[in-house]
């Protein structure tokens, strides 16, 4: 295996994930027994209950685009020069286009719903979605910190080799 062992490891993980995905797709039902799945009339964005939640939904998307724009800036010649100026500008334009497209999709799904109003039985508090979103953000961010930054901290603080530093957090 030698120097290519990591490639085989990543490829094996991908193959196992593919088989698991196929197994799950074939064997897992879409709904619990006895219930019926009703397909949404429109796809493209989450349905919200009122205009306040619509703008809150849009605002929740903005930090992701800001983070990607900052990452592009850090990789541009202004940062570590991994990207050219042209590539960075193209990525920023692409991010802006994706945001506009996403805004349009969210709007197209919700326009009719917001005009007519949501039936009394269907409304939900969008705050629940925001809390779930925040929970994912915090937990995945914490995991990334533990997996990537903590070993570097152990290497510097305790003068450990990379292997020993990596074994400490786990």
C-alpha atoms as a PDB file:
ATOM      1  CA  UNK A   1       0.000   0.000   0.000  1.00  0.00           C
ATOM      2  CA  UNK A   2       2.654   2.503   1.052  1.00  0.00           C
ATOM      3  CA  UNK A   3       2.181   6.141   0.186  1.00  0.00           C
ATOM      4  CA  UNK A   4      -1.162   5.494  -1.529  1.00  0.00           C
ATOM      5  CA  UNK A   5      -2.799   3.888   1.534  1.00  0.00           C
ATOM      6  CA  UNK A   6      -4.800   7.021   2.326  1.00  0.00           C
ATOM      7  CA  UNK A   7      -6.310   6.954  -1.170  1.00  0.00           C
ATOM      8  CA  UNK A   8      -7.435   3.358  -0.715  1.00  0.00           C
ATOM      9  CA  UNK A   9      -8.876   4.225   2.686  1.00  0.00           C
ATOM     10  CA  UNK A  10     -10.912   7.133   1.288  1.00  0.00           C
ATOM     11  CA  UNK A  11     -12.063   5.042  -1.693  1.00  0.00           C
ATOM     12  CA  UNK A  12     -13.101   2.179   0.602  1.00  0.00           C
ATOM     13  CA  UNK A  13     -15.075   4.578   2.784  1.00  0.00           C
ATOM     14  CA  UNK A  14     -16.833   5.894  -0.323  1.00  0.00           C
ATOM     15  CA  UNK A  15     -17.711   2.398  -1.542  1.00  0.00           C
ATOM     16  CA  UNK A  16     -19.061   1.386   1.886  1.00  0.00           C
ATOM     17  CA  UNK A  17     -21.134   4.595   1.999  1.00  0.00           C
ATOM     18  CA  UNK A  18     -22.505   3.864  -1.484  1.00  0.00           C
ATOM     19  CA  UNK A  19     -23.572   0.337  -0.503  1.00  0.00           C
ATOM     20  CA  UNK A  20     -25.147   1.652   2.696  1.00  0.00           C
ATOM     21  CA  UNK A  21     -27.015   4.317   0.723  1.00  0.00           C
ATOM     22  CA  UNK A  22     -28.367   1.718  -1.715  1.00  0.00           C
ATOM     23  CA  UNK A  23     -29.360  -0.621   1.120  1.00  0.00           C
ATOM     24  CA  UNK A  24     -31.117   2.208   2.954  1.00  0.00           C
ATOM     25  CA  UNK A  25     -32.846   3.453  -0.215  1.00  0.00           C
ATOM     26  CA  UNK A  26     -34.190  -0.007  -0.996  1.00  0.00           C
ATOM     27  CA  UNK A  27     -35.207  -1.013   2.532  1.00  0.00           C
ATOM     28  CA  UNK A  28     -36.316   2.148   4.345  1.00  0.00           C
ATOM     29  CA  UNK A  29     -39.932   3.237   3.858  1.00  0.00           C
ATOM     30  CA  UNK A  30     -40.722   6.864   3.133  1.00  0.00           C
ATOM     31  CA  UNK A  31     -43.446   7.012   5.755  1.00  0.00           C
ATOM     32  CA  UNK A  32     -44.449   5.063   8.839  1.00  0.00           C
ATOM     33  CA  UNK A  33     -46.903   2.204   8.299  1.00  0.00           C
ATOM     34  CA  UNK A  34     -50.445   3.405   7.904  1.00  0.00           C
ATOM     35  CA  UNK A  35     -49.643   6.990   6.931  1.00  0.00           C
ATOM     36  CA  UNK A  36     -49.645   8.538   3.498  1.00  0.00           C
ATOM     37  CA  UNK A  37     -46.959  10.748   2.002  1.00  0.00           C
ATOM     38  CA  UNK A  38     -48.314  13.922   0.430  1.00  0.00           C
ATOM     39  CA  UNK A  39     -45.869  15.428  -2.040  1.00  0.00           C
ATOM     40  CA  UNK A  40     -45.540  19.228  -1.789  1.00  0.00           C
ATOM     41  CA  UNK A  41     -47.160  21.205  -4.592  1.00  0.00           C
ATOM     42  CA  UNK A  42     -43.971  23.203  -5.177  1.00  0.00           C
ATOM     43  CA  UNK A  43     -40.329  22.407  -4.563  1.00  0.00           C
ATOM     44  CA  UNK A  44     -37.393  24.738  -4.167  1.00  0.00           C
ATOM     45  CA  UNK A  45     -37.605  26.111  -0.665  1.00  0.00           C
ATOM     46  CA  UNK A  46     -39.133  25.663   2.738  1.00  0.00           C
ATOM     47  CA  UNK A  47     -42.704  26.861   3.179  1.00  0.00           C
ATOM     48  CA  UNK A  48     -43.117  29.477   5.895  1.00  0.00           C
ATOM     49  CA  UNK A  49     -46.200  30.657   7.768  1.00  0.00           C
ATOM     50  CA  UNK A  50     -45.934  34.453   7.505  1.00  0.00           C
ATOM     51  CA  UNK A  51     -43.890  37.344   6.042  1.00  0.00           C
ATOM     52  CA  UNK A  52     -41.821  37.782   9.198  1.00  0.00           C
ATOM     53  CA  UNK A  53     -40.712  34.141   8.951  1.00  0.00           C
ATOM     54  CA  UNK A  54     -40.038  34.581   5.237  1.00  0.00           C
ATOM     55  CA  UNK A  55     -37.528  37.371   5.909  1.00  0.00           C
ATOM     56  CA  UNK A  56     -36.111  35.471   8.864  1.00  0.00           C
ATOM     57  CA  UNK A  57     -35.551  32.486   6.525  1.00  0.00           C
ATOM     58  CA  UNK A  58     -33.735  34.711   4.042  1.00  0.00           C
ATOM     59  CA  UNK A  59     -31.642  36.234   6.843  1.00  0.00           C
ATOM     60  CA  UNK A  60     -30.677  32.761   8.072  1.00  0.00           C
ATOM     61  CA  UNK A  61     -29.105  32.056   4.667  1.00  0.00           C
ATOM     62  CA  UNK A  62     -26.954  35.189   4.618  1.00  0.00           C
ATOM     63  CA  UNK A  63     -24.239  34.006   7.079  1.00  0.00           C
ATOM     64  CA  UNK A  64     -23.443  31.017   4.872  1.00  0.00           C
ATOM     65  CA  UNK A  65     -22.814  33.270   1.892  1.00  0.00           C
ATOM     66  CA  UNK A  66     -20.768  35.663   4.014  1.00  0.00           C
ATOM     67  CA  UNK A  67     -18.624  32.759   5.249  1.00  0.00           C
ATOM     68  CA  UNK A  68     -18.052  31.522   1.692  1.00  0.00           C
ATOM     69  CA  UNK A  69     -17.225  35.046   0.506  1.00  0.00           C
ATOM     70  CA  UNK A  70     -14.716  35.492   3.350  1.00  0.00           C
ATOM     71  CA  UNK A  71     -13.196  32.089   2.553  1.00  0.00           C
ATOM     72  CA  UNK A  72     -12.827  33.157  -1.083  1.00  0.00           C
ATOM     73  CA  UNK A  73     -11.181  36.402   0.062  1.00  0.00           C
ATOM     74  CA  UNK A  74      -8.758  34.485   2.305  1.00  0.00           C
ATOM     75  CA  UNK A  75      -7.816  32.225  -0.630  1.00  0.00           C
ATOM     76  CA  UNK A  76      -7.436  35.166  -3.033  1.00  0.00           C
ATOM     77  CA  UNK A  77      -4.198  37.127  -3.556  1.00  0.00           C
ATOM     78  CA  UNK A  78      -5.271  39.342  -0.625  1.00  0.00           C
ATOM     79  CA  UNK A  79      -4.922  36.289   1.612  1.00  0.00           C
ATOM     80  CA  UNK A  80      -2.821  33.206   0.903  1.00  0.00           C
ATOM     81  CA  UNK A  81      -2.789  33.579  -2.918  1.00  0.00           C
ATOM     82  CA  UNK A  82      -4.282  30.168  -3.617  1.00  0.00           C
ATOM     83  CA  UNK A  83      -6.740  31.694  -6.094  1.00  0.00           C
ATOM     84  CA  UNK A  84      -6.130  34.292  -8.756  1.00  0.00           C
ATOM     85  CA  UNK A  85      -7.988  37.627  -8.695  1.00  0.00           C
ATOM     86  CA  UNK A  86     -10.075  36.502 -11.666  1.00  0.00           C
ATOM     87  CA  UNK A  87     -11.053  33.234  -9.985  1.00  0.00           C
ATOM     88  CA  UNK A  88     -11.953  35.027  -6.736  1.00  0.00           C
ATOM     89  CA  UNK A  89     -14.146  37.520  -8.611  1.00  0.00           C
ATOM     90  CA  UNK A  90     -15.809  34.679 -10.524  1.00  0.00           C
ATOM     91  CA  UNK A  91     -16.519  32.872  -7.238  1.00  0.00           C
ATOM     92  CA  UNK A  92     -17.993  36.021  -5.668  1.00  0.00           C
ATOM     93  CA  UNK A  93     -20.236  36.537  -8.706  1.00  0.00           C
ATOM     94  CA  UNK A  94     -21.236  32.855  -8.551  1.00  0.00           C
ATOM     95  CA  UNK A  95     -22.078  33.192  -4.846  1.00  0.00           C
ATOM     96  CA  UNK A  96     -24.204  36.269  -5.568  1.00  0.00           C
ATOM     97  CA  UNK A  97     -26.005  34.444  -8.403  1.00  0.00           C
ATOM     98  CA  UNK A  98     -26.679  31.410  -6.211  1.00  0.00           C
ATOM     99  CA  UNK A  99     -28.041  33.662  -3.463  1.00  0.00           C
ATOM    100  CA  UNK A 100     -30.350  35.448  -5.920  1.00  0.00           C
ATOM    101  CA  UNK A 101     -31.509  32.085  -7.327  1.00  0.00           C
ATOM    102  CA  UNK A 102     -32.136  30.737  -3.829  1.00  0.00           C
ATOM    103  CA  UNK A 103     -34.044  33.911  -2.895  1.00  0.00           C
ATOM    104  CA  UNK A 104     -36.148  33.488  -6.042  1.00  0.00           C
ATOM    105  CA  UNK A 105     -36.855  29.816  -5.258  1.00  0.00           C
ATOM    106  CA  UNK A 106     -37.870  30.572  -1.682  1.00  0.00           C
ATOM    107  CA  UNK A 107     -40.060  33.406  -2.937  1.00  0.00           C
ATOM    108  CA  UNK A 108     -41.719  31.316  -5.648  1.00  0.00           C
ATOM    109  CA  UNK A 109     -42.629  28.598  -3.140  1.00  0.00           C
ATOM    110  CA  UNK A 110     -44.013  31.072  -0.609  1.00  0.00           C
ATOM    111  CA  UNK A 111     -45.605  33.872  -2.705  1.00  0.00           C
ATOM    112  CA  UNK A 112     -49.013  32.257  -3.118  1.00  0.00           C
ATOM    113  CA  UNK A 113     -48.940  30.868   0.413  1.00  0.00           C
ATOM    114  CA  UNK A 114     -48.238  34.294   1.932  1.00  0.00           C
ATOM    115  CA  UNK A 115     -50.943  35.985  -0.159  1.00  0.00           C
ATOM    116  CA  UNK A 116     -53.657  33.504   0.807  1.00  0.00           C
ATOM    117  CA  UNK A 117     -52.459  32.826   4.315  1.00  0.00           C
ATOM    118  CA  UNK A 118     -51.677  29.540   5.951  1.00  0.00           C
ATOM    119  CA  UNK A 119     -54.598  27.376   7.106  1.00  0.00           C
ATOM    120  CA  UNK A 120     -55.083  27.413  10.876  1.00  0.00           C
ATOM    121  CA  UNK A 121     -54.107  23.748  11.143  1.00  0.00           C
ATOM    122  CA  UNK A 122     -50.793  24.104   9.242  1.00  0.00           C
ATOM    123  CA  UNK A 123     -48.785  26.999  10.735  1.00  0.00           C
ATOM    124  CA  UNK A 124     -45.630  26.304  12.688  1.00  0.00           C
ATOM    125  CA  UNK A 125     -43.126  28.458  14.488  1.00  0.00           C
ATOM    126  CA  UNK A 126     -40.160  29.058  12.219  1.00  0.00           C
ATOM    127  CA  UNK A 127     -38.134  29.621  15.372  1.00  0.00           C
ATOM    128  CA  UNK A 128     -38.086  25.808  15.692  1.00  0.00           C
ATOM    129  CA  UNK A 129     -36.300  25.543  12.345  1.00  0.00           C
ATOM    130  CA  UNK A 130     -33.849  28.257  13.373  1.00  0.00           C
ATOM    131  CA  UNK A 131     -33.069  26.452  16.637  1.00  0.00           C
ATOM    132  CA  UNK A 132     -32.467  23.190  14.778  1.00  0.00           C
ATOM    133  CA  UNK A 133     -30.271  25.035  12.272  1.00  0.00           C
ATOM    134  CA  UNK A 134     -28.298  26.644  15.099  1.00  0.00           C
ATOM    135  CA  UNK A 135     -27.914  23.288  16.828  1.00  0.00           C
ATOM    136  CA  UNK A 136     -26.438  21.738  13.695  1.00  0.00           C
ATOM    137  CA  UNK A 137     -24.139  24.715  13.288  1.00  0.00           C
ATOM    138  CA  UNK A 138     -22.855  24.470  16.852  1.00  0.00           C
ATOM    139  CA  UNK A 139     -22.437  20.699  16.947  1.00  0.00           C
ATOM    140  CA  UNK A 140     -20.770  20.389  13.555  1.00  0.00           C
ATOM    141  CA  UNK A 141     -18.548  23.373  14.354  1.00  0.00           C
ATOM    142  CA  UNK A 142     -17.569  21.772  17.631  1.00  0.00           C
ATOM    143  CA  UNK A 143     -16.770  18.499  15.900  1.00  0.00           C
ATOM    144  CA  UNK A 144     -14.586  20.279  13.369  1.00  0.00           C
ATOM    145  CA  UNK A 145     -12.762  22.056  16.176  1.00  0.00           C
ATOM    146  CA  UNK A 146     -12.108  18.820  18.032  1.00  0.00           C
ATOM    147  CA  UNK A 147     -11.021  16.917  14.939  1.00  0.00           C
ATOM    148  CA  UNK A 148      -8.853  19.589  13.359  1.00  0.00           C
ATOM    149  CA  UNK A 149      -7.736  22.237  15.837  1.00  0.00           C
ATOM    150  CA  UNK A 150      -7.371  20.333  19.096  1.00  0.00           C
ATOM    151  CA  UNK A 151      -4.555  18.058  17.856  1.00  0.00           C
ATOM    152  CA  UNK A 152      -2.574  21.134  16.775  1.00  0.00           C
ATOM    153  CA  UNK A 153      -3.107  22.600  20.239  1.00  0.00           C
ATOM    154  CA  UNK A 154      -1.845  19.373  21.846  1.00  0.00           C
ATOM    155  CA  UNK A 155       1.194  19.304  19.534  1.00  0.00           C
ATOM    156  CA  UNK A 156       2.224  22.826  20.490  1.00  0.00           C
ATOM    157  CA  UNK A 157       1.266  22.760  24.171  1.00  0.00           C
ATOM    158  CA  UNK A 158       2.534  19.320  25.148  1.00  0.00           C
ATOM    159  CA  UNK A 159       5.258  18.928  22.492  1.00  0.00           C
ATOM    160  CA  UNK A 160       3.662  15.762  21.094  1.00  0.00           C
ATOM    161  CA  UNK A 161       4.179  14.121  17.725  1.00  0.00           C
ATOM    162  CA  UNK A 162       1.294  14.527  15.247  1.00  0.00           C
ATOM    163  CA  UNK A 163       0.210  10.908  15.790  1.00  0.00           C
ATOM    164  CA  UNK A 164       0.123  11.180  19.591  1.00  0.00           C
ATOM    165  CA  UNK A 165      -1.589  14.575  19.430  1.00  0.00           C
ATOM    166  CA  UNK A 166      -4.285  13.116  17.167  1.00  0.00           C
ATOM    167  CA  UNK A 167      -4.902  10.196  19.529  1.00  0.00           C
ATOM    168  CA  UNK A 168      -5.501  12.435  22.561  1.00  0.00           C
ATOM    169  CA  UNK A 169      -8.895  13.995  21.594  1.00  0.00           C
ATOM    170  CA  UNK A 170     -10.409  10.661  20.519  1.00  0.00           C
END
